[in-house]
Amino acid sequence: MHEEVAAYVLGVLDEQDHEAFERHLDTCADCRARLKELAEVPEALDELKHSPQASEDSR
């Protein structure tokens, strides 16, 4: 389960795995801590994707 934290944060787990991971979070402090560390990654990636520099680099 520990390797699924990033997939969970990025929203790429299927429904069954998503639910299983959420149950796992109830009992795993390590995964909760890692989840907290990665929580801002999707927003940061989205900001990079829409930044003016990203538009210039894609030309």
Protein backbone atom coordinates (compact mmCIF):
# COMPACT_ATOMS: atom_id res chain seq x y z
CA MET A 1 0.00 0.00 0.00
CA HIS A 2 2.82 2.42 0.74
CA GLU A 3 3.74 2.68 -2.93
CA GLU A 4 0.19 3.77 -3.80
CA VAL A 5 0.36 7.13 -2.01
CA ALA A 6 1.45 9.02 -5.13
CA ALA A 7 -1.15 7.29 -7.30
CA TYR A 8 -3.81 8.19 -4.75
CA VAL A 9 -2.70 11.84 -4.68
CA LEU A 10 -2.71 12.03 -8.48
CA GLY A 11 -6.14 10.40 -8.65
CA VAL A 12 -5.13 7.50 -10.87
CA LEU A 13 -6.29 4.60 -8.68
CA ASP A 14 -9.37 2.75 -9.82
CA GLU A 15 -12.38 2.85 -7.50
CA GLN A 16 -11.58 -0.43 -5.74
CA ASP A 17 -7.94 0.50 -5.08
CA HIS A 18 -8.95 4.01 -4.03
CA GLU A 19 -11.35 2.65 -1.42
CA ALA A 20 -8.82 0.09 -0.20
CA PHE A 21 -6.17 2.77 0.15
CA GLU A 22 -8.52 5.00 2.13
CA ARG A 23 -9.17 2.11 4.53
CA HIS A 24 -5.41 1.59 4.78
CA LEU A 25 -4.93 5.26 5.70
CA ASP A 26 -7.03 4.68 8.83
CA THR A 27 -4.33 2.40 10.21
CA CYS A 28 -1.06 3.62 8.68
CA ALA A 29 0.55 6.73 10.11
CA ASP A 30 3.42 6.50 7.59
CA CYS A 31 1.06 6.74 4.62
CA ARG A 32 -0.90 9.56 6.25
CA ALA A 33 2.35 11.48 6.72
CA ARG A 34 3.44 10.81 3.13
CA LEU A 35 0.00 11.84 1.89
CA LYS A 36 0.32 15.12 3.75
CA GLU A 37 3.73 15.70 2.13
CA LEU A 38 2.38 15.04 -1.37
CA ALA A 39 -1.00 16.75 -1.03
CA GLU A 40 0.09 19.87 -2.92
CA VAL A 41 1.70 18.04 -5.84
CA PRO A 42 -1.33 17.99 -8.19
CA GLU A 43 -1.88 21.73 -7.74
CA ALA A 44 1.82 22.45 -8.29
CA LEU A 45 1.85 20.34 -11.46
CA ASP A 46 -1.23 22.14 -12.74
CA GLU A 47 0.38 25.52 -12.07
CA LEU A 48 3.50 24.46 -13.97
CA LYS A 49 1.43 23.24 -16.88
CA HIS A 50 -0.30 26.62 -17.17
CA SER A 51 2.70 28.84 -16.48
CA PRO A 52 3.92 31.22 -19.20
CA GLN A 53 7.32 29.50 -19.18
CA ALA A 54 5.69 26.14 -19.94
CA SER A 55 3.90 27.68 -22.93
CA GLU A 56 7.15 29.12 -24.27
CA ASP A 57 9.02 25.85 -23.79
CA SER A 58 6.44 23.91 -25.80
CA ARG A 59 7.10 25.96 -28.95
